[in-house]
Amino acid sequence: MRKLMICLLVLALCLPCALAETEMTRHISGNWVYVLQEDGTAELVDYLDDMARIDLVIPAEVDGYAVTAIGDRAMQENVFQSVVIPEGVTRIGVGAFYWSYEMTAVTLPSTLREIGDYAFKWCAEVEVFAIPEGVRAIGREAFQGNYSMVSLTLPDSLEHIGMLAFHGCSNLTTLVLPANVKTIGERAFDSCIGLMAVTLPDSLEYIGVDAFANCTALTEITLPQSLVEMADYPFRGCTMLDMEALLAAWPAYQIIGGVVYDMQEMALCWWSARGARLRSWRRSTGSASLIRRSEAACGTFHSAKFAYNAATVKKSSADHSCYDISREHCIQRALPELHRLTTDLPSTGGATHEGNQPCHSRRLS
């Protein structure tokens, strides 16, 4: 008990000192509030007159300290007309300029390396964004809702585009992704309804869920040979996109009766009744995967794997919507091109499932 009392006393004495020390790290220079970083440079954390309708030029130095970072939420919800970020700044923090709804122009420095999540979200009046070389990743929702954007320049250094990064940039009409982009995050360009043409680089490996969903004007996009995986519905709602034309320039793949085959690995990659509802897929060897349930006339299969001499059909135990439809009926109705691959499968007879009609062939597991 005595030791506990001593610890509490020490804590009570030290806490005000710790808080005072923390407060002392914040400095004010004019309207700027900043903290000193470990390397002796300044990070701007606030602007005291953020309701001033001015063309803001951020200083390269404050009190003799070089400015290298704009802190998290440092200038969110301001009414600046334009912003110039000086050379030397390498990082723009989370939500730094979030909802700068009157801002019409932003100048980014060539020294910039990091754009945080939500950094320019809802800067809806900015028409032109030019992201400099050296930036490797664009954070989640970094430019979401910027519906006035008509021009977007991305650097060759860019490798990752975050989730919802450009969601709702409805006036963007063309998009050229630079040569080193590897991943496009979930819904990254969702609802870019003005987007008509997209150029994807040969470096691209992954396209996320709904990455280009609801791009209703999209008619031109080419899938690169480097692509390894697409998540669910990458082109959902792209009503102008011709999926057969999309794959026509992709010689490794071929559509036969609505089924997409990997002609190099002899593997089915995905199938859907409508290309805009394309489900997720990943390249495989020696077998093929129809991942999750297709949006087909028959909704039985969550996944299917086919080898050359046998096949297995799997069903999710959590989904009981289709137990009363036989394997032959489903294949003939929804996957006609696979029927020939599975006609030699042995039947297990009338395997039944509790609360459902019997399956008339191979058990669905």
Protein backbone atom coordinates (compact mmCIF):
# COMPACT_ATOMS: atom_id res chain seq x y z
CA MET A 1 0.00 0.00 0.00
CA ARG A 2 2.85 2.32 0.88
CA LYS A 3 4.55 1.67 -2.49
CA LEU A 4 1.30 2.42 -4.30
CA MET A 5 0.94 5.73 -2.50
CA ILE A 6 4.52 6.68 -3.38
CA CYS A 7 3.91 5.84 -7.07
CA LEU A 8 0.74 7.93 -7.16
CA LEU A 9 2.56 10.86 -5.52
CA VAL A 10 5.41 10.69 -8.05
CA LEU A 11 2.89 10.54 -10.92
CA ALA A 12 0.99 13.56 -9.55
CA LEU A 13 4.21 15.57 -9.34
CA CYS A 14 5.51 14.56 -12.78
CA LEU A 15 2.33 14.83 -14.81
CA PRO A 16 2.12 18.66 -14.82
CA CYS A 17 5.77 18.82 -15.86
CA ALA A 18 5.13 16.38 -18.72
CA LEU A 19 2.12 18.36 -19.89
CA ALA A 20 4.05 21.61 -19.66
CA GLU A 21 6.84 20.09 -21.70
CA THR A 22 4.34 18.96 -24.33
CA GLU A 23 2.84 22.44 -24.50
CA MET A 24 6.29 23.95 -24.83
CA THR A 25 6.84 22.02 -28.08
CA ARG A 26 4.14 24.16 -29.71
CA HIS A 27 5.36 27.51 -30.99
CA ILE A 28 3.59 30.46 -32.59
CA SER A 29 5.06 32.56 -35.35
CA GLY A 30 2.53 35.10 -36.64
CA ASN A 31 -0.55 33.06 -37.53
CA TRP A 32 1.42 29.84 -37.73
CA VAL A 33 1.52 27.20 -34.99
CA TYR A 34 4.30 24.65 -35.32
CA VAL A 35 6.20 21.94 -33.50
CA LEU A 36 9.83 20.97 -33.85
CA GLN A 37 10.52 17.49 -35.17
CA GLU A 38 13.40 15.24 -34.13
CA ASP A 39 15.51 16.36 -37.09
CA GLY A 40 15.18 20.00 -36.03
CA THR A 41 12.73 20.98 -38.78
CA ALA A 42 9.26 22.42 -38.29
CA GLU A 43 5.87 20.79 -38.79
CA LEU A 44 3.00 23.25 -39.19
CA VAL A 45 0.05 22.13 -37.07
CA ASP A 46 -2.38 25.06 -37.30
CA TYR A 47 -3.13 28.43 -38.88
CA LEU A 48 -4.84 30.83 -36.51
CA ASP A 49 -6.77 32.83 -39.10
CA ASP A 50 -8.21 30.00 -41.17
CA MET A 51 -11.37 32.00 -41.94
CA ALA A 52 -9.39 34.50 -43.97
CA ARG A 53 -10.33 34.42 -47.66
CA ILE A 54 -6.79 34.83 -48.93
CA ASP A 55 -4.33 33.31 -51.39
CA LEU A 56 -2.19 31.54 -48.84
CA VAL A 57 1.55 31.12 -49.39
CA ILE A 58 2.94 28.75 -46.77
CA PRO A 59 6.39 29.88 -45.56
CA ALA A 60 9.47 27.77 -46.23
CA GLU A 61 10.77 28.71 -42.75
CA VAL A 62 9.31 29.74 -39.40
CA ASP A 63 11.59 31.34 -36.81
CA GLY A 64 14.59 30.08 -38.77
CA TYR A 65 13.38 26.45 -38.87
CA ALA A 66 12.82 24.80 -42.26
CA VAL A 67 9.21 23.71 -42.79
CA THR A 68 9.15 20.07 -43.93
CA ALA A 69 5.64 18.89 -43.00
CA ILE A 70 2.01 19.99 -42.90
CA GLY A 71 0.51 18.26 -39.88
CA ASP A 72 -2.68 16.22 -39.55
CA ARG A 73 -5.79 18.41 -39.91
CA ALA A 74 -3.55 21.50 -39.82
CA MET A 75 -5.68 23.58 -42.20
CA GLN A 76 -8.89 21.61 -42.55
CA GLU A 77 -12.19 23.41 -43.20
CA ASN A 78 -10.56 26.70 -44.17
CA VAL A 79 -11.77 29.27 -46.72
CA PHE A 80 -8.48 29.97 -48.47
CA GLN A 81 -8.83 30.87 -52.14
CA SER A 82 -5.59 29.13 -53.12
CA VAL A 83 -2.59 27.52 -51.42
CA VAL A 84 1.09 27.36 -52.38
CA ILE A 85 3.07 24.74 -50.47
CA PRO A 86 6.80 25.57 -50.48
CA GLU A 87 9.78 23.55 -51.63
CA GLY A 88 11.18 21.51 -48.75
CA VAL A 89 7.84 20.09 -47.58
CA THR A 90 7.97 16.31 -47.83
CA ARG A 91 4.77 15.27 -46.04
CA ILE A 92 1.14 16.40 -46.08
CA GLY A 93 -0.67 14.86 -43.13
CA VAL A 94 -4.05 13.21 -42.65
CA GLY A 95 -6.88 15.58 -43.51
CA ALA A 96 -4.49 18.52 -43.76
CA PHE A 97 -6.69 20.45 -46.21
CA TYR A 98 -9.90 18.47 -45.77
CA TRP A 99 -13.02 20.36 -46.85
CA SER A 100 -11.23 23.47 -48.09
CA TYR A 101 -14.39 24.11 -50.03
CA GLU A 102 -13.53 27.55 -51.46
CA MET A 103 -10.00 26.71 -52.57
CA THR A 104 -9.59 26.75 -56.36
CA ALA A 105 -5.86 26.04 -56.79
CA VAL A 106 -3.09 24.10 -55.02
CA THR A 107 0.61 24.16 -55.83
CA LEU A 108 2.56 21.14 -54.58
CA PRO A 109 6.37 21.15 -54.15
CA SER A 110 8.76 18.87 -56.02
CA THR A 111 10.09 17.69 -52.63
CA LEU A 112 6.76 16.10 -51.64
CA ARG A 113 6.93 12.37 -50.83
CA GLU A 114 3.80 11.56 -48.82
CA ILE A 115 0.13 12.48 -49.22
CA GLY A 116 -1.89 11.34 -46.23
CA ASP A 117 -5.42 9.95 -46.03
CA TYR A 118 -8.15 12.55 -46.65
CA ALA A 119 -5.46 15.19 -47.34
CA PHE A 120 -7.44 17.05 -50.03
CA LYS A 121 -10.85 15.44 -49.60
CA TRP A 122 -13.74 17.71 -50.63
CA CYS A 123 -11.51 20.41 -52.07
CA ALA A 124 -14.30 20.49 -54.58
CA GLU A 125 -13.41 23.65 -56.50
CA VAL A 126 -9.84 22.70 -57.45
CA GLU A 127 -9.68 21.88 -61.16
CA VAL A 128 -6.04 20.85 -61.58
CA PHE A 129 -3.89 18.56 -59.44
CA ALA A 130 -0.29 17.86 -60.44
CA ILE A 131 1.31 15.37 -58.05
CA PRO A 132 5.11 15.61 -58.20
CA GLU A 133 7.72 12.93 -58.79
CA GLY A 134 8.78 11.10 -55.66
CA VAL A 135 5.29 10.40 -54.30
CA ARG A 136 4.92 6.61 -54.11
CA ALA A 137 1.46 6.29 -52.57
CA ILE A 138 -1.76 8.29 -52.49
CA GLY A 139 -3.66 7.83 -49.25
CA ARG A 140 -7.21 6.71 -48.64
CA GLU A 141 -9.84 9.24 -49.79
CA ALA A 142 -7.04 11.72 -50.45
CA PHE A 143 -8.89 13.47 -53.31
CA GLN A 144 -12.40 12.12 -52.83
CA GLY A 145 -15.31 14.36 -53.83
CA ASN A 146 -13.26 16.79 -55.89
CA TYR A 147 -15.92 16.99 -58.57
CA SER A 148 -14.38 20.04 -60.31
CA MET A 149 -11.16 18.18 -61.10
CA VAL A 150 -10.63 18.11 -64.87
CA SER A 151 -6.88 17.47 -64.97
CA LEU A 152 -4.85 14.98 -62.95
CA THR A 153 -1.12 14.44 -63.39
CA LEU A 154 0.38 11.43 -61.61
CA PRO A 155 4.13 10.83 -61.19
CA ASP A 156 6.11 7.88 -62.54
CA SER A 157 7.16 7.12 -58.96
CA LEU A 158 3.57 6.26 -57.96
CA GLU A 159 3.00 2.61 -56.95
CA HIS A 160 -0.20 2.53 -54.89
CA ILE A 161 -3.53 4.34 -55.18
CA GLY A 162 -5.53 4.09 -51.97
CA MET A 163 -9.13 3.18 -51.27
CA LEU A 164 -11.62 5.80 -52.52
CA ALA A 165 -8.69 8.04 -53.46
CA PHE A 166 -10.50 9.71 -56.38
CA HIS A 167 -14.06 8.62 -55.69
CA GLY A 168 -16.63 11.01 -57.13
CA CYS A 169 -14.22 13.07 -59.25
CA SER A 170 -17.01 13.32 -61.77
CA ASN A 171 -15.47 15.81 -64.23
CA LEU A 172 -12.32 13.79 -64.83
CA THR A 173 -12.58 12.47 -68.42
CA THR A 174 -9.27 10.70 -69.06
CA LEU A 175 -6.88 8.86 -66.80
CA VAL A 176 -3.35 7.70 -67.55
CA LEU A 177 -1.78 5.70 -64.75
CA PRO A 178 2.03 5.91 -64.78
CA ALA A 179 4.41 3.06 -65.49
CA ASN A 180 5.05 1.84 -61.94
CA VAL A 181 1.55 1.62 -60.45
CA LYS A 182 1.04 -1.84 -58.94
CA THR A 183 -2.21 -1.61 -56.99
CA ILE A 184 -5.49 0.26 -57.34
CA GLY A 185 -7.45 0.27 -54.09
CA GLU A 186 -11.09 -0.44 -53.41
CA ARG A 187 -13.44 2.05 -55.12
CA ALA A 188 -10.47 4.23 -56.03
CA PHE A 189 -12.24 5.70 -59.09
CA ASP A 190 -15.82 4.77 -58.21
CA SER A 191 -18.45 7.21 -59.57
CA CYS A 192 -16.06 9.09 -61.82
CA ILE A 193 -19.02 9.42 -64.14
CA GLY A 194 -17.23 11.57 -66.72
CA LEU A 195 -14.34 9.15 -67.14
CA MET A 196 -14.30 7.85 -70.72
CA ALA A 197 -10.82 6.40 -71.21
CA VAL A 198 -8.34 4.75 -68.84
CA THR A 199 -4.79 3.63 -69.60
CA LEU A 200 -3.44 1.00 -67.21
CA PRO A 201 0.32 0.32 -67.03
CA ASP A 202 2.09 -3.00 -67.61
CA SER A 203 3.21 -2.89 -63.98
CA LEU A 204 -0.34 -3.24 -62.61
CA GLU A 205 -0.90 -6.34 -60.47
CA TYR A 206 -4.09 -5.73 -58.49
CA ILE A 207 -7.44 -3.99 -59.04
CA GLY A 208 -9.60 -3.60 -55.93
CA VAL A 209 -13.31 -4.06 -55.26
CA ASP A 210 -15.46 -1.65 -57.30
CA ALA A 211 -12.30 0.14 -58.43
CA PHE A 212 -14.01 1.64 -61.50
CA ALA A 213 -17.61 1.02 -60.48
CA ASN A 214 -20.30 3.38 -61.79
CA CYS A 215 -17.99 4.96 -64.35
CA THR A 216 -20.98 5.13 -66.65
CA ALA A 217 -19.18 6.88 -69.53
CA LEU A 218 -16.20 4.50 -69.57
CA THR A 219 -15.72 2.89 -72.97
CA GLU A 220 -11.95 2.49 -73.22
CA ILE A 221 -9.74 0.50 -70.86
CA THR A 222 -7.06 -2.11 -71.52
CA LEU A 223 -6.11 -4.79 -69.03
CA PRO A 224 -2.32 -5.29 -68.90
CA GLN A 225 -0.63 -8.68 -69.08
CA SER A 226 0.92 -8.03 -65.68
CA LEU A 227 -2.47 -8.18 -63.93
CA VAL A 228 -2.59 -10.92 -61.28
CA GLU A 229 -5.78 -10.33 -59.36
CA MET A 230 -9.07 -8.43 -59.56
CA ALA A 231 -11.41 -8.19 -56.60
CA ASP A 232 -15.22 -8.21 -56.84
CA TYR A 233 -17.05 -6.07 -59.39
CA PRO A 234 -14.18 -3.86 -60.64
CA PHE A 235 -16.41 -2.54 -63.45
CA ARG A 236 -19.83 -2.75 -61.82
CA GLY A 237 -22.22 -0.26 -63.38
CA CYS A 238 -19.90 0.52 -66.30
CA THR A 239 -22.81 0.22 -68.70
CA MET A 240 -20.90 1.46 -71.76
CA LEU A 241 -17.98 -0.96 -71.35
CA ASP A 242 -17.81 -3.91 -73.75
CA MET A 243 -16.22 -6.76 -71.81
CA GLU A 244 -15.50 -8.87 -74.89
CA ALA A 245 -13.67 -5.93 -76.46
CA LEU A 246 -11.86 -5.44 -73.16
CA LEU A 247 -10.45 -8.96 -73.37
CA ALA A 248 -9.91 -8.97 -77.12
CA ALA A 249 -6.52 -7.28 -76.74
CA TRP A 250 -5.55 -9.73 -74.02
CA PRO A 251 -4.32 -12.77 -76.00
CA ALA A 252 -3.75 -14.88 -72.89
CA TYR A 253 -7.52 -15.00 -72.33
CA GLN A 254 -10.49 -15.97 -74.43
CA ILE A 255 -14.26 -15.81 -73.96
CA ILE A 256 -16.11 -18.97 -74.97
CA GLY A 257 -19.82 -18.98 -74.31
CA GLY A 258 -19.57 -16.42 -71.54
CA VAL A 259 -16.69 -18.25 -69.84
CA VAL A 260 -13.23 -16.69 -69.69
CA TYR A 261 -10.35 -19.11 -70.16
CA ASP A 262 -6.66 -18.61 -69.45
CA MET A 263 -5.23 -20.06 -72.64
CA GLN A 264 -1.69 -20.22 -71.27
CA GLU A 265 -2.50 -22.10 -68.09
CA MET A 266 -5.70 -23.74 -69.38
CA ALA A 267 -7.60 -22.29 -66.45
CA LEU A 268 -10.99 -20.67 -66.20
CA CYS A 269 -10.53 -17.27 -64.60
CA TRP A 270 -14.02 -15.89 -64.16
CA TRP A 271 -17.49 -16.07 -65.51
CA SER A 272 -20.42 -13.74 -65.35
CA ALA A 273 -23.67 -13.30 -67.18
CA ARG A 274 -22.73 -9.63 -67.65
CA GLY A 275 -19.22 -8.27 -67.84
CA ALA A 276 -20.10 -5.27 -65.70
CA ARG A 277 -20.79 -7.73 -62.88
CA LEU A 278 -17.46 -9.46 -63.15
CA ARG A 279 -16.61 -11.28 -59.92
CA SER A 280 -13.19 -11.60 -58.38
CA TRP A 281 -10.51 -13.83 -59.83
CA ARG A 282 -6.87 -14.74 -59.42
CA ARG A 283 -4.55 -16.53 -61.82
CA SER A 284 -3.93 -20.17 -60.95
CA THR A 285 -2.04 -23.15 -62.35
CA GLY A 286 -3.45 -26.55 -63.22
CA SER A 287 -6.97 -25.66 -62.11
CA ALA A 288 -9.46 -22.87 -62.41
CA SER A 289 -11.37 -20.81 -59.90
CA LEU A 290 -14.73 -19.14 -60.14
CA ILE A 291 -14.45 -17.13 -56.94
CA ARG A 292 -17.66 -16.64 -54.98
CA ARG A 293 -21.05 -16.73 -56.62
CA SER A 294 -21.50 -15.42 -60.14
CA GLU A 295 -24.37 -13.13 -61.02
CA ALA A 296 -25.81 -15.80 -63.24
CA ALA A 297 -29.25 -17.27 -63.85
CA CYS A 298 -28.38 -20.02 -61.39
CA GLY A 299 -26.85 -18.75 -58.17
CA THR A 300 -25.68 -22.07 -56.78
CA PHE A 301 -21.92 -21.96 -56.99
CA HIS A 302 -19.67 -19.93 -54.76
CA SER A 303 -16.57 -21.54 -56.19
CA ALA A 304 -15.71 -24.17 -58.74
CA LYS A 305 -12.40 -25.89 -59.38
CA PHE A 306 -11.75 -27.89 -62.53
CA ALA A 307 -8.83 -30.18 -63.30
CA TYR A 308 -8.37 -32.04 -66.57
CA ASN A 309 -9.65 -35.41 -65.39
CA ALA A 310 -12.09 -34.50 -62.66
CA ALA A 311 -14.06 -31.65 -61.20
CA THR A 312 -15.43 -30.63 -57.86
CA VAL A 313 -18.24 -28.21 -57.27
CA LYS A 314 -18.39 -26.45 -53.91
CA LYS A 315 -21.28 -24.71 -52.24
CA SER A 316 -21.23 -22.34 -49.29
CA SER A 317 -22.83 -23.98 -46.26
CA ALA A 318 -24.21 -20.59 -45.27
CA ASP A 319 -26.25 -20.25 -48.46
CA HIS A 320 -29.24 -22.55 -48.87
CA SER A 321 -30.91 -20.76 -51.75
CA CYS A 322 -30.31 -23.34 -54.45
CA TYR A 323 -30.04 -26.80 -52.90
CA ASP A 324 -32.98 -28.10 -54.90
CA ILE A 325 -31.31 -27.46 -58.27
CA SER A 326 -29.30 -30.34 -59.65
CA ARG A 327 -25.70 -30.02 -60.72
CA GLU A 328 -26.57 -30.91 -64.32
CA HIS A 329 -29.34 -28.30 -64.46
CA CYS A 330 -27.08 -25.57 -63.12
CA ILE A 331 -24.24 -26.39 -65.45
CA GLN A 332 -26.47 -26.64 -68.52
CA ARG A 333 -28.32 -23.45 -67.62
CA ALA A 334 -25.53 -21.21 -66.35
CA LEU A 335 -22.21 -22.71 -67.42
CA PRO A 336 -22.81 -24.48 -70.74
CA GLU A 337 -19.16 -24.48 -71.78
CA LEU A 338 -18.22 -26.35 -68.59
CA HIS A 339 -20.79 -29.05 -69.15
CA ARG A 340 -18.44 -31.02 -71.35
CA LEU A 341 -15.78 -30.94 -68.61
CA THR A 342 -18.07 -32.42 -66.01
CA THR A 343 -20.21 -34.96 -67.83
CA ASP A 344 -18.00 -37.81 -66.60
CA LEU A 345 -18.31 -36.90 -62.93
CA PRO A 346 -19.72 -39.70 -60.78
CA SER A 347 -23.07 -39.01 -59.17
CA THR A 348 -23.62 -39.41 -55.45
CA GLY A 349 -27.33 -39.92 -55.92
CA GLY A 350 -29.99 -38.07 -54.00
CA ALA A 351 -27.89 -36.47 -51.32
CA THR A 352 -30.21 -34.40 -49.15
CA HIS A 353 -29.78 -31.28 -47.06
CA GLU A 354 -31.84 -30.50 -44.01
CA GLY A 355 -34.81 -28.28 -44.81
CA ASN A 356 -34.22 -28.36 -48.58
CA GLN A 357 -35.14 -30.46 -51.57
CA PRO A 358 -32.70 -33.27 -52.50
CA CYS A 359 -29.86 -32.64 -54.91
CA HIS A 360 -30.16 -35.03 -57.81
CA SER A 361 -26.46 -35.57 -58.42
CA ARG A 362 -23.08 -34.86 -56.90
CA ARG A 363 -23.35 -33.57 -53.34
CA LEU A 364 -22.94 -29.83 -52.91
CA SER A 365 -20.66 -29.21 -49.94
